[in-house]
N, C-alpha and C. Protein backbone atom coordinates (compact mmCIF):
# COMPACT_ATOMS: atom_id res chain seq x y z
N MET A 1 7.53 14.84 9.86
CA MET A 1 9.07 14.72 10.05
C MET A 1 9.14 15.45 8.90
N THR A 2 9.67 15.59 8.62
CA THR A 2 10.93 16.33 7.69
C THR A 2 11.78 15.72 6.52
N PHE A 3 11.79 16.19 6.27
CA PHE A 3 11.80 16.06 4.75
C PHE A 3 13.64 15.33 4.67
N GLU A 4 14.14 16.33 5.80
CA GLU A 4 15.54 15.48 6.10
C GLU A 4 15.18 14.25 6.92
N GLU A 5 14.68 14.02 7.76
CA GLU A 5 14.19 12.76 8.28
C GLU A 5 13.70 11.67 7.45
N LEU A 6 13.18 12.69 6.79
CA LEU A 6 12.62 10.50 5.67
C LEU A 6 13.45 11.40 4.35
N GLU A 7 14.51 11.34 4.67
CA GLU A 7 16.06 10.94 4.34
C GLU A 7 16.86 9.76 4.39
N ILE A 8 17.02 10.05 5.66
CA ILE A 8 17.75 8.78 6.11
C ILE A 8 17.04 8.44 7.13
N LYS A 9 16.07 7.52 6.95
CA LYS A 9 15.10 6.81 7.60
C LYS A 9 14.65 5.45 6.04
N ILE A 10 14.28 6.90 4.84
CA ILE A 10 14.93 5.74 3.46
C ILE A 10 16.47 5.30 2.95
N ASN A 11 16.78 5.90 3.09
CA ASN A 11 18.02 5.51 2.71
C ASN A 11 19.04 4.07 4.17
N ASN A 12 18.08 4.35 5.09
CA ASN A 12 18.21 4.04 5.97
C ASN A 12 17.48 1.77 6.03
N LEU A 13 16.37 2.70 4.92
CA LEU A 13 15.93 1.07 4.91
C LEU A 13 16.13 0.74 4.27
N ILE A 14 16.76 1.74 2.79
CA ILE A 14 16.68 0.69 1.64
C ILE A 14 18.57 -0.27 1.80
N ALA A 15 19.27 0.26 2.82
CA ALA A 15 20.64 -0.67 3.68
C ALA A 15 19.77 -2.01 4.58
N GLU A 16 18.67 -1.83 5.09
CA GLU A 16 18.38 -3.23 5.27
C GLU A 16 17.22 -3.87 4.36
N ASP A 17 17.79 -3.67 3.08
CA ASP A 17 16.93 -4.41 1.82
C ASP A 17 15.60 -4.27 2.19
N GLU A 18 15.37 -3.21 2.98
CA GLU A 18 13.44 -2.91 3.69
C GLU A 18 13.12 -2.54 2.19
N VAL A 19 13.09 -2.61 1.06
CA VAL A 19 12.31 -2.73 -0.14
C VAL A 19 10.57 -1.56 -0.36
N GLU A 20 10.23 -2.39 0.40
CA GLU A 20 8.43 -1.82 0.41
C GLU A 20 8.45 -1.33 1.42
N ALA A 21 8.82 -1.25 2.34
CA ALA A 21 9.01 0.16 3.71
C ALA A 21 8.87 0.60 3.80
N ALA A 22 10.21 1.39 2.01
CA ALA A 22 10.90 2.55 2.28
C ALA A 22 10.11 2.71 0.76
N ILE A 23 8.89 2.01 0.41
CA ILE A 23 8.17 2.42 -0.41
C ILE A 23 6.91 3.28 0.62
N THR A 24 6.04 2.14 1.20
CA THR A 24 5.46 2.64 2.33
C THR A 24 6.13 4.46 2.81
N LEU A 25 6.85 3.99 2.97
CA LEU A 25 7.12 5.07 4.03
C LEU A 25 7.02 6.45 2.80
N LEU A 26 7.86 6.57 1.56
CA LEU A 26 7.64 8.15 0.43
C LEU A 26 5.41 8.05 0.70
N SER A 27 5.29 6.90 0.38
CA SER A 27 3.64 7.03 0.10
C SER A 27 3.00 8.07 0.80
N ALA A 28 2.65 6.96 2.11
CA ALA A 28 2.46 8.71 3.05
C ALA A 28 3.48 9.61 2.76
N TYR A 29 4.00 9.78 2.30
CA TYR A 29 4.96 11.76 2.32
C TYR A 29 4.11 12.04 1.57
N PHE A 30 4.03 11.49 0.50
CA PHE A 30 3.63 11.77 -0.88
C PHE A 30 2.37 12.74 -1.22
N HIS A 31 1.19 11.42 -0.64
CA HIS A 31 0.52 10.97 0.01
C HIS A 31 0.11 12.62 -0.97
N GLY A 32 -1.35 12.59 -2.33
CA GLY A 32 -1.40 14.26 -2.12
C GLY A 32 -0.77 15.35 -3.18
N ASN A 33 0.68 14.15 -2.88
CA ASN A 33 1.07 15.76 -3.89
C ASN A 33 0.65 14.88 -5.86
N GLU A 34 1.82 15.59 -6.65
CA GLU A 34 1.18 15.13 -7.97
C GLU A 34 2.95 14.29 -8.07
N LYS A 35 3.99 13.96 -6.95
CA LYS A 35 4.63 12.80 -6.99
C LYS A 35 4.47 11.66 -6.25
N TRP A 36 3.32 11.57 -6.51
CA TRP A 36 2.56 10.36 -5.19
C TRP A 36 2.76 8.95 -6.64
N GLN A 37 2.15 9.81 -7.31
CA GLN A 37 2.11 9.33 -8.58
C GLN A 37 3.49 7.74 -9.53
N ALA A 38 4.85 8.42 -8.87
CA ALA A 38 5.48 8.14 -9.37
C ALA A 38 5.71 6.77 -8.42
N ILE A 39 5.32 7.07 -6.90
CA ILE A 39 5.74 5.87 -5.61
C ILE A 39 5.11 4.63 -5.62
N VAL A 40 4.06 5.37 -6.38
CA VAL A 40 2.48 4.13 -7.01
C VAL A 40 3.36 2.85 -7.41
N LEU A 41 3.66 4.11 -9.24
CA LEU A 41 4.35 2.90 -9.89
C LEU A 41 5.30 2.43 -8.83
N GLN A 42 6.04 2.53 -8.73
CA GLN A 42 7.42 1.68 -7.98
C GLN A 42 7.23 1.15 -7.41
N SER A 43 6.25 1.21 -6.75
CA SER A 43 4.99 0.00 -5.48
C SER A 43 4.12 -1.55 -7.15
N GLY A 44 3.74 -0.25 -8.08
CA GLY A 44 3.73 -1.67 -8.93
C GLY A 44 4.02 -2.50 -8.90
N ARG A 45 5.68 -2.41 -9.32
CA ARG A 45 6.98 -2.80 -9.59
C ARG A 45 7.75 -3.92 -9.26
N PHE A 46 6.82 -3.19 -7.28
CA PHE A 46 7.71 -4.07 -6.45
C PHE A 46 6.61 -4.89 -6.40
N HIS A 47 6.00 -4.91 -6.55
CA HIS A 47 5.02 -6.57 -5.69
C HIS A 47 4.78 -6.77 -7.71
N SER A 48 4.88 -6.84 -8.23
CA SER A 48 4.17 -7.24 -9.24
C SER A 48 5.49 -8.33 -9.72
N LEU A 49 6.82 -7.62 -9.45
CA LEU A 49 8.10 -8.54 -9.31
C LEU A 49 7.67 -9.78 -8.15
N LYS A 50 7.31 -9.25 -6.35
CA LYS A 50 7.42 -10.45 -5.53
C LYS A 50 6.49 -11.54 -5.95
N LYS A 51 5.39 -11.14 -6.59
CA LYS A 51 3.98 -12.10 -7.52
C LYS A 51 5.01 -13.73 -8.49
N ASP A 52 5.67 -11.89 -9.85
CA ASP A 52 6.19 -13.31 -10.28
C ASP A 52 7.47 -14.32 -9.58
N GLN A 53 8.03 -14.31 -8.33
CA GLN A 53 9.09 -14.06 -8.01
C GLN A 53 8.00 -15.75 -7.13
N ALA A 54 7.05 -15.33 -6.23
CA ALA A 54 6.43 -16.26 -6.57
C ALA A 54 5.72 -17.57 -6.85
N ASN A 55 5.30 -16.24 -7.87
CA ASN A 55 4.69 -17.52 -9.06
C ASN A 55 6.09 -18.51 -9.64
N GLY A 56 7.21 -18.28 -9.69
CA GLY A 56 8.60 -18.71 -10.56
C GLY A 56 8.06 -18.37 -11.34
N VAL A 57 7.86 -17.77 -11.45
CA VAL A 57 7.86 -16.77 -13.27
C VAL A 57 9.64 -16.10 -14.14
N ILE A 58 9.98 -16.48 -12.74
CA ILE A 58 10.91 -15.18 -12.87
C ILE A 58 12.72 -15.67 -11.36
N ASP A 59 13.48 -16.26 -12.24
CA ASP A 59 14.95 -16.87 -11.94
C ASP A 59 15.49 -15.86 -10.60
N TYR A 60 16.12 -16.04 -9.42
CA TYR A 60 17.04 -15.11 -9.07
C TYR A 60 17.60 -14.29 -9.81
N LEU A 61 18.33 -14.91 -10.12
CA LEU A 61 19.01 -13.51 -10.71
C LEU A 61 18.87 -12.24 -11.38
N THR A 62 17.28 -12.18 -11.67
CA THR A 62 16.66 -11.28 -12.40
C THR A 62 16.02 -10.62 -11.55
N VAL A 63 14.96 -11.29 -10.25
CA VAL A 63 15.08 -10.21 -9.47
C VAL A 63 15.56 -9.99 -8.61
N GLN A 64 16.91 -10.77 -8.50
CA GLN A 64 17.93 -9.22 -7.56
C GLN A 64 17.81 -8.22 -8.02
N GLN A 65 18.43 -8.41 -9.80
CA GLN A 65 18.31 -7.04 -10.43
C GLN A 65 17.06 -6.24 -10.85
N GLN A 66 16.42 -6.49 -10.72
CA GLN A 66 15.21 -5.81 -10.95
C GLN A 66 14.40 -4.97 -9.38
N LEU A 67 15.19 -5.81 -8.32
CA LEU A 67 15.39 -4.96 -7.37
C LEU A 67 16.43 -4.19 -6.80
N ASN A 68 18.15 -4.41 -7.53
CA ASN A 68 18.09 -3.25 -7.20
C ASN A 68 17.86 -1.68 -8.27
N GLN A 69 17.43 -2.26 -9.21
CA GLN A 69 17.03 -1.61 -9.50
C GLN A 69 15.87 -0.39 -9.33
N LEU A 70 15.81 -1.33 -8.38
CA LEU A 70 13.65 -0.75 -7.46
C LEU A 70 14.72 0.46 -7.02
N ARG A 71 16.29 -0.10 -5.85
CA ARG A 71 16.57 0.02 -5.09
C ARG A 71 17.47 1.95 -5.50
N ALA A 72 18.00 1.13 -6.35
CA ALA A 72 18.50 2.43 -7.54
C ALA A 72 17.42 3.91 -8.39
N ASN A 73 15.79 3.62 -8.16
CA ASN A 73 15.45 4.24 -8.70
C ASN A 73 14.32 5.50 -7.45
N ILE A 74 14.36 4.63 -5.64
CA ILE A 74 13.52 5.28 -4.60
C ILE A 74 15.08 6.17 -4.43
N LEU A 75 16.88 5.63 -4.29
CA LEU A 75 18.05 6.51 -3.36
C LEU A 75 17.87 7.90 -4.63
N GLU A 76 17.43 8.26 -6.08
CA GLU A 76 17.28 8.21 -7.34
C GLU A 76 16.08 9.46 -7.05
N PHE A 77 14.15 8.95 -6.88
CA PHE A 77 13.75 10.10 -7.07
C PHE A 77 13.63 10.80 -5.39
N VAL A 78 14.37 10.10 -4.08
CA VAL A 78 15.38 11.01 -2.95
C VAL A 78 16.08 11.90 -2.85
N ALA A 79 16.74 11.59 -4.03
CA ALA A 79 17.87 12.91 -4.59
C ALA A 79 17.74 14.32 -5.48
N SER A 80 15.93 13.40 -6.79
CA SER A 80 15.44 14.17 -6.92
C SER A 80 15.44 15.52 -6.12
N GLU A 81 14.56 14.93 -5.11
CA GLU A 81 13.99 15.62 -4.47
C GLU A 81 14.26 16.84 -3.83
N LYS A 82 16.33 16.19 -2.92
CA LYS A 82 16.24 16.83 -1.99
C LYS A 82 16.38 18.07 -3.10
N LYS A 83 17.90 17.95 -4.28
CA LYS A 83 17.77 18.76 -5.05
C LYS A 83 17.12 20.14 -5.21
N ALA A 84 15.32 19.17 -5.72
CA ALA A 84 14.80 20.07 -6.32
C ALA A 84 14.56 20.68 -4.95
N ARG A 85 14.34 20.86 -3.89
CA ARG A 85 13.98 21.44 -2.77
C ARG A 85 15.33 22.54 -2.33
N GLU A 86 16.88 22.36 -1.99
CA GLU A 86 17.29 23.83 -2.28
C GLU A 86 17.27 24.34 -2.91
N ARG A 87 16.97 24.10 -4.58
CA ARG A 87 16.91 25.55 -5.63
C ARG A 87 15.18 26.11 -5.14
N ASP A 88 14.58 25.22 -4.44
CA ASP A 88 13.44 26.47 -3.94
C ASP A 88 12.95 25.36 -2.71
N PRO A 89 13.56 26.21 -1.35
CA PRO A 89 13.70 25.64 -0.61
C PRO A 89 12.01 26.07 0.79
N GLY A 90 10.72 26.29 -0.87
CA GLY A 90 9.65 26.58 0.00
C GLY A 90 9.04 25.81 -0.55
N GLU A 91 9.07 24.87 -0.92
CA GLU A 91 8.64 24.14 -1.87
C GLU A 91 7.66 22.74 -0.74
N GLU A 92 8.23 22.58 0.54
CA GLU A 92 8.55 22.66 1.48
C GLU A 92 6.62 21.17 1.46
N LEU A 93 6.72 20.52 1.65
CA LEU A 93 5.89 19.38 1.41
C LEU A 93 5.16 19.19 3.19
N PRO A 94 3.78 19.94 3.69
CA PRO A 94 3.56 19.69 5.57
C PRO A 94 4.28 18.36 5.26
N GLU A 95 4.45 17.95 7.22
CA GLU A 95 4.26 17.17 8.35
C GLU A 95 3.33 16.18 7.76
N VAL A 96 4.04 14.48 7.70
CA VAL A 96 2.97 13.61 7.90
C VAL A 96 2.13 14.07 9.10
N ASP A 97 0.82 13.34 9.15
CA ASP A 97 0.11 13.50 10.38
C ASP A 97 0.22 12.03 10.91
N ILE A 98 0.45 11.53 11.43
CA ILE A 98 1.42 10.40 11.87
C ILE A 98 -0.02 8.84 12.11
N ARG A 99 -1.63 9.95 13.27
CA ARG A 99 -2.42 10.14 12.61
C ARG A 99 -3.67 9.14 12.23
N SER A 100 -3.50 10.02 11.06
CA SER A 100 -3.76 9.65 9.12
C SER A 100 -3.39 9.23 9.60
N LEU A 101 -2.03 8.63 9.11
CA LEU A 101 -0.95 7.08 9.64
C LEU A 101 -1.07 5.46 9.70
N TYR A 102 -2.19 6.06 10.68
CA TYR A 102 -2.45 5.42 11.41
C TYR A 102 -3.95 4.22 11.90
N LEU A 103 -4.80 5.54 11.68
CA LEU A 103 -5.96 5.69 10.89
C LEU A 103 -6.35 4.45 9.53
N ALA A 104 -6.10 4.92 8.49
CA ALA A 104 -5.38 4.28 7.23
C ALA A 104 -5.03 2.57 7.32
N SER A 105 -3.51 2.56 8.69
CA SER A 105 -4.09 1.02 8.54
C SER A 105 -4.70 0.29 8.67
N LEU A 106 -5.25 0.51 9.93
CA LEU A 106 -6.43 0.22 10.45
C LEU A 106 -7.22 -0.65 9.54
N ALA A 107 -8.04 1.09 9.04
CA ALA A 107 -8.58 0.58 7.56
C ALA A 107 -9.08 -0.04 6.36
N ARG A 108 -6.97 -0.23 6.24
CA ARG A 108 -6.79 -1.34 5.64
C ARG A 108 -6.69 -2.90 6.55
N VAL A 109 -7.18 -3.33 7.06
CA VAL A 109 -6.42 -4.41 7.19
C VAL A 109 -8.35 -4.32 8.36
N ALA A 110 -9.45 -3.94 8.47
CA ALA A 110 -10.32 -3.41 8.28
C ALA A 110 -11.34 -4.16 7.00
N VAL A 111 -11.23 -4.03 5.96
CA VAL A 111 -11.23 -3.19 5.13
C VAL A 111 -11.07 -5.06 4.30
N LEU A 112 -9.27 -5.45 4.16
CA LEU A 112 -9.69 -7.17 4.18
C LEU A 112 -10.36 -8.80 4.94
N LEU A 113 -10.30 -8.01 6.31
CA LEU A 113 -10.74 -9.07 7.14
C LEU A 113 -12.57 -8.88 6.28
N THR A 114 -12.67 -7.93 6.46
CA THR A 114 -14.22 -8.25 5.60
C THR A 114 -14.67 -8.42 4.98
N LEU A 115 -13.81 -8.31 4.10
CA LEU A 115 -14.16 -8.93 3.03
C LEU A 115 -14.16 -10.24 2.54
N LEU A 116 -12.67 -10.43 3.64
CA LEU A 116 -13.16 -12.02 3.42
C LEU A 116 -13.82 -12.71 5.08
N GLN A 117 -14.72 -12.84 5.12
CA GLN A 117 -16.06 -12.01 6.88
C GLN A 117 -16.89 -12.62 5.17
N ALA A 118 -17.12 -12.00 3.81
CA ALA A 118 -18.56 -11.89 3.03
C ALA A 118 -18.02 -12.72 1.66
N GLU A 119 -16.28 -13.16 1.65
CA GLU A 119 -16.78 -13.75 0.84
C GLU A 119 -17.92 -15.37 -0.15
N ALA A 120 -18.46 -15.27 0.75
CA ALA A 120 -19.48 -16.08 0.57
C ALA A 120 -20.92 -15.42 -0.53
N GLU A 121 -20.18 -13.84 -0.11
CA GLU A 121 -21.59 -13.14 -1.23
C GLU A 121 -21.39 -13.16 -2.37
N GLU A 122 -22.21 -13.54 -3.48
CA GLU A 122 -21.74 -14.17 -4.75
C GLU A 122 -21.27 -12.46 -5.64
N THR A 123 -22.00 -11.53 -5.50
CA THR A 123 -21.69 -10.36 -5.28
C THR A 123 -20.52 -9.51 -5.40
N GLY A 124 -20.39 -9.65 -4.46
CA GLY A 124 -18.67 -9.11 -2.96
C GLY A 124 -20.12 -7.81 -2.31
N LEU A 125 -18.96 -6.99 -2.01
CA LEU A 125 -20.01 -5.81 -1.35
C LEU A 125 -19.25 -4.08 -2.09
N THR A 126 -20.00 -3.29 -1.75
CA THR A 126 -20.52 -2.37 -2.56
C THR A 126 -18.93 -1.18 -1.41
N ILE A 127 -18.41 0.07 -1.65
CA ILE A 127 -17.83 1.08 -0.31
C ILE A 127 -18.18 1.33 0.58
N THR A 128 -19.63 1.31 0.79
CA THR A 128 -20.83 2.10 1.06
C THR A 128 -20.74 0.26 2.45
N GLN A 129 -21.34 -0.69 1.46
CA GLN A 129 -21.36 -1.48 3.00
C GLN A 129 -20.32 -2.09 3.91
N VAL A 130 -18.58 -1.96 2.87
CA VAL A 130 -17.81 -2.11 3.94
C VAL A 130 -17.01 -1.41 4.49
N GLN A 131 -18.09 0.24 4.41
CA GLN A 131 -18.31 1.02 5.39
C GLN A 131 -19.07 0.46 6.38
N LYS A 132 -19.50 -0.02 6.91
CA LYS A 132 -21.25 -0.21 7.49
C LYS A 132 -19.93 -1.39 7.98
N ARG A 133 -19.77 -2.13 7.40
CA ARG A 133 -19.58 -3.19 8.56
C ARG A 133 -18.10 -2.98 9.23
N THR A 134 -17.87 -2.54 8.52
CA THR A 134 -16.04 -2.39 9.51
C THR A 134 -16.41 -1.15 10.97
N LYS A 135 -18.13 -0.28 10.23
CA LYS A 135 -17.55 1.37 11.31
C LYS A 135 -17.04 1.85 11.46
N ALA A 136 -16.47 1.81 9.96
CA ALA A 136 -15.42 3.37 10.42
C ALA A 136 -16.56 3.85 9.61
N GLY A 137 -15.23 5.32 10.49
CA GLY A 137 -16.16 6.50 10.45
C GLY A 137 -15.74 7.76 9.01
N ASN A 138 -14.48 7.33 8.15
CA ASN A 138 -13.80 8.39 7.01
C ASN A 138 -14.47 7.26 6.13
N ARG A 139 -15.02 7.79 5.03
CA ARG A 139 -15.30 6.78 4.46
C ARG A 139 -13.28 6.63 3.67
N LYS A 140 -13.69 8.60 3.78
CA LYS A 140 -12.18 8.20 2.36
C LYS A 140 -10.46 7.21 2.80
N TYR A 141 -10.35 6.21 4.21
CA TYR A 141 -9.44 5.23 4.23
C TYR A 141 -10.43 4.13 4.12
N ILE A 142 -10.87 4.12 3.59
CA ILE A 142 -11.55 2.10 3.29
C ILE A 142 -11.62 2.85 1.89
N VAL A 143 -11.84 3.94 0.85
CA VAL A 143 -12.40 4.22 -0.79
C VAL A 143 -10.58 3.92 -0.65
N ALA A 144 -9.47 4.22 -0.04
CA ALA A 144 -7.84 5.02 -0.04
C ALA A 144 -7.05 2.87 0.20
N ALA A 145 -8.32 2.09 1.08
CA ALA A 145 -7.60 0.14 0.91
C ALA A 145 -8.09 -0.16 0.05
N LEU A 146 -9.60 0.37 -0.86
CA LEU A 146 -9.33 -0.25 -1.81
C LEU A 146 -8.79 -0.06 -3.48
N GLN A 147 -8.87 1.48 -3.66
CA GLN A 147 -7.54 1.71 -4.87
C GLN A 147 -6.29 1.18 -3.76
N GLU A 148 -5.63 0.57 -3.17
CA GLU A 148 -4.33 0.34 -2.67
C GLU A 148 -4.57 -0.87 -2.61
N MET A 149 -5.31 -1.49 -2.86
CA MET A 149 -5.80 -2.99 -2.78
C MET A 149 -6.07 -4.27 -4.06
N GLU A 150 -6.35 -2.96 -4.54
CA GLU A 150 -6.85 -2.54 -6.51
C GLU A 150 -5.23 -2.69 -7.25
N GLU A 151 -4.45 -1.65 -6.83
CA GLU A 151 -3.40 -1.43 -8.19
C GLU A 151 -2.78 -2.64 -7.31
N ASN A 152 -2.30 -3.61 -5.95
CA ASN A 152 -1.40 -4.92 -5.87
C ASN A 152 -2.62 -5.67 -6.03
N GLY A 153 -3.43 -6.36 -7.12
CA GLY A 153 -4.31 -7.07 -7.23
C GLY A 153 -5.77 -7.90 -5.82
N TRP A 154 -5.01 -7.53 -4.88
CA TRP A 154 -5.42 -8.19 -4.18
C TRP A 154 -7.05 -7.99 -4.86
N VAL A 155 -7.85 -7.22 -4.68
CA VAL A 155 -9.00 -7.32 -5.03
C VAL A 155 -9.79 -6.89 -6.09
N GLU A 156 -10.60 -7.74 -6.56
CA GLU A 156 -11.34 -7.73 -8.49
C GLU A 156 -12.40 -6.89 -8.39
N LYS A 157 -12.69 -5.82 -9.38
CA LYS A 157 -13.99 -4.72 -8.32
C LYS A 157 -14.86 -5.09 -9.97
N THR A 158 -15.98 -5.52 -10.06
CA THR A 158 -17.37 -5.58 -11.34
C THR A 158 -18.38 -4.09 -10.76
N LYS A 159 -18.58 -3.47 -11.98
CA LYS A 159 -19.87 -3.07 -12.60
C LYS A 159 -21.43 -3.66 -11.80
N ALA A 160 -22.55 -3.40 -11.60
CA ALA A 160 -23.29 -3.93 -11.88
C ALA A 160 -24.04 -2.87 -12.04
N GLY A 161 -24.24 -1.79 -13.27
CA GLY A 161 -25.42 -0.73 -12.56
C GLY A 161 -24.96 -0.16 -12.49
N LYS A 162 -25.14 0.72 -12.10
CA LYS A 162 -24.55 2.04 -11.03
C LYS A 162 -23.33 1.87 -9.99
N SER A 163 -23.05 0.26 -9.44
CA SER A 163 -22.28 0.40 -8.41
C SER A 163 -21.46 -0.42 -8.82
N ALA A 164 -20.65 -0.68 -8.12
CA ALA A 164 -19.32 -1.67 -7.84
C ALA A 164 -18.66 -2.39 -6.34
N TYR A 165 -18.35 -3.38 -7.20
CA TYR A 165 -18.43 -3.85 -5.71
C TYR A 165 -17.49 -4.50 -5.47
N TRP A 166 -17.09 -5.55 -4.53
CA TRP A 166 -15.49 -5.67 -4.12
C TRP A 166 -15.14 -6.55 -3.46
N ARG A 167 -14.24 -7.40 -4.84
CA ARG A 167 -14.16 -8.98 -3.61
C ARG A 167 -12.93 -9.68 -3.61
N LEU A 168 -12.38 -10.12 -2.42
CA LEU A 168 -10.74 -10.49 -2.80
C LEU A 168 -11.15 -11.73 -3.94
N SER A 169 -9.14 -10.76 -4.58
CA SER A 169 -9.24 -11.64 -6.10
C SER A 169 -8.41 -13.01 -5.15
N GLU A 170 -7.71 -14.30 -5.71
CA GLU A 170 -6.76 -14.60 -4.71
C GLU A 170 -5.35 -14.69 -4.39
N GLU A 171 -4.81 -13.58 -4.33
CA GLU A 171 -3.86 -13.04 -3.85
C GLU A 171 -4.22 -12.50 -2.22
N GLY A 172 -5.30 -11.49 -2.76
CA GLY A 172 -6.19 -11.55 -1.64
C GLY A 172 -6.97 -11.62 -0.71
N MET A 173 -6.43 -13.41 -0.37
CA MET A 173 -7.08 -13.62 -0.05
C MET A 173 -6.11 -14.73 0.27
N LYS A 174 -5.40 -14.72 -0.15
CA LYS A 174 -4.27 -16.09 0.95
C LYS A 174 -3.73 -13.98 1.78
N LEU A 175 -4.05 -13.72 1.30
CA LEU A 175 -3.35 -12.19 2.20
C LEU A 175 -4.51 -11.84 3.14
N ALA A 176 -5.43 -12.47 2.47
CA ALA A 176 -6.51 -11.60 3.74
C ALA A 176 -6.48 -13.41 5.05
N VAL A 177 -6.40 -13.45 4.39
CA VAL A 177 -6.83 -15.19 5.85
C VAL A 177 -4.91 -15.81 6.49
N GLU A 178 -3.87 -14.85 6.00
CA GLU A 178 -2.93 -14.37 6.55
C GLU A 178 -2.71 -13.34 8.15
N SER A 179 -3.45 -12.71 7.49
CA SER A 179 -3.90 -11.72 8.17
C SER A 179 -4.48 -11.62 9.21
N GLU A 180 -5.86 -12.36 8.94
CA GLU A 180 -6.84 -12.21 9.82
C GLU A 180 -5.79 -13.58 11.21
N ARG A 181 -5.27 -14.81 10.67
CA ARG A 181 -4.31 -15.58 11.21
C ARG A 181 -3.24 -14.89 11.83
N THR A 182 -2.53 -14.29 11.70
CA THR A 182 -1.99 -13.32 12.66
C THR A 182 -2.63 -12.08 13.87
N PHE A 183 -3.80 -12.02 12.69
CA PHE A 183 -4.01 -11.07 13.78
C PHE A 183 -5.50 -11.46 14.66
N ARG A 184 -5.82 -12.75 14.80
CA ARG A 184 -5.97 -13.43 15.95
C ARG A 184 -5.59 -14.15 16.59
N SER A 185 -4.00 -14.56 16.51
CA SER A 185 -3.67 -14.71 17.80
C SER A 185 -2.77 -13.56 17.69
N ILE A 186 -3.52 -12.77 17.75
CA ILE A 186 -2.89 -11.17 18.98
C ILE A 186 -3.84 -11.53 19.72
N PHE A 187 -4.75 -11.54 19.08
CA PHE A 187 -6.10 -11.35 19.70
C PHE A 187 -7.56 -12.74 19.53
N PRO A 188 -6.66 -13.34 20.36
CA PRO A 188 -7.60 -14.77 20.80
C PRO A 188 -8.94 -14.20 21.15
N LYS A 189 -10.11 -15.07 20.11
CA LYS A 189 -11.23 -14.73 21.09
C LYS A 189 -11.35 -15.69 21.95
N GLU A 190 -12.36 -15.15 23.58
CA GLU A 190 -12.12 -15.79 24.62
C GLU A 190 -13.19 -16.63 25.08
């Protein structure tokens, strides 16, 4: 995907009030670039806002004001990137590898459902255990999924000796149960 295509998609997503999808697309496009951190911060703000809204901590007007600020931040980020590219056209980022995006998405689901199945295990699972149970070939997708889940408050990480153990948080459990229900409705057991 070229930057121009990205810009059009982001503008369309914001116009359709698909803030989360816009953040996900920006995150995938800029992954591995120093600008990715700015996108992660916006993602954290978005998920924190949604969490506060779901918990009834903030009112509707405040949610709308903060969502408008997020939309403006996203559009401003894209506009500033466009200006930077006009000044220095040689700084083109590599195109998005759609295959990697699909594998990362599958890893997210696999990790989420694996942690749900392992909920009875008191300590949680290490990254190696998650990788073995998901049968994922590439560890980087597992690590990235766990980091993303931690940033969004869906997993809790504990350390014991040199090992880190991951387990679902309360919010992560809700997401996992909902995801499993959706997955099972698409692929029912025979």
